């Protein structure tokens, strides 16, 4: 998805050739999906963790290329901003103790990055949005010096033809414009991958779409942006608006590139790839080699479908379908809505809740996809991002066609047993499932998500300091608590006395 490219400028012929290649890839993917046994295999999960590099004062440290080089690990990759890196964990079998495996590998990589950062006077911060960011930290000069990111910025600006406009409600409403894609780099996430058999894809994809709202409500960790108190999970709004390639003026006849979706999935995984191509113009029209070719002989091994994978990497659905030629070719669902932080156990608990609830919903009768309009699920997703555990969410209940609306905190508590059952049926060790889901239950009962802790601690700091200083003190306390490894619902409210 993060393929390196060398070309930065493109003409209309590049876009036309790339569009043709996309159609060829789509045809070949359809043939693959019709091939008996394609994509079948053990269920695995994987994860990507984005993080911030900061200096001793808590300000962004723009040295990601040097720190990545010093870490010397291919699982550490560059992100859009010079103060961001991404850690990529190896896939783990879902049966057994997969979250322990993912957490162990990610902790190892984070330690390597932290060790490398110390030589630059820096450290690592795992948080949805860094509270100490300023607009200057997100301008074009802060972009990582790679052709891919310059080309991505150019591609979005080419389609939009207007400045990017951010408008977010909250305690301190925010409105600003930017001439580049740099605002997107304010967000860091914990992205979870689930390998899915093509025959099960539709019901599992719909299930993760529904499950995302209560999980997001209990996982919020991004309550501020550029000094403004906004949503519980402000990342959702910032990301959507900062990569919106639709013209700022006039009617918008197509969905945003960052969206939950346009409806419940009916036609299988090919429908999602087709929709990405039909509704979203290419941003990086770089041709792979060789060109895809149809025909039975070519299907004896999974083709790379480079153009399809590159294009899909620039359509940022919160739950995204992925084709991967590895392991004989397979499909995954990338769950992109969860924030980074506060601690590894918090992130693993969020992932366990999301995957377990998804598998539980997928095992049920899918009649709820007809009873619950997708628009209400989409509305619930954004209300969960905005209000967290206070959001009121619509959820299937009882006999067919029945729905009820209740506070997210109450809904989360009710759904934890279903998530446990989903994990156990998939073979996850009971002790692992119970330990992580206990974190979710305790967080929902206390109401103390990462976002709630940040807001309360910021309020305490503002009794003695102005907003800028209070944000820095809050971040310092956040990092101190995170270093303990204890889940966020156990953290005390307060800031260092200095």
Foldseek 3Di string as FASTA:
>chain_A
DPDADADQDDDPVLQVVLLVLLVLLLVQVVVQLVDPPRFDDFKKKWKKWKWFKAAPLLHGDQQQVQLVVQLVDPQWADDFFSGMIMGIADIDGLAEQRLVRRLVRVVVSQVSSQVSSVVVRIGIAWFFFRLQDAVVRQAPVRTDPGSVNSLLFVLLCVLQVDWQWAWFDDPFTDIDTHNTLSLLVRGIFMKMKIFDRQVLQQLLLLLLLLLLLLLLLLAFGCQDDNLDGGASNCSLRSNQRSRFSHYPDDDDPADGLEAQDDARDDPTPSVQLVCLSVRDRARDSDDDPPRDDDDDVVLVAQDQSVSSQNSQVSRHYQWGWHWGRPPRITIMIMHTRGGTDDASLSVSLSVLLSQLSSQLSSVDDPLVSVLDTVVLSRVSNVQSRGYRQQGWHWDDDDDPSDIDIDGSLVVLLVRLVSSLVSSVVSNYDNVSSVVSSVLSNLSSVLVFHNSNLLVQQLVQQVVPDDSSVSSSQSSVLSVVVRVVNDHRSPDDRYGDDD
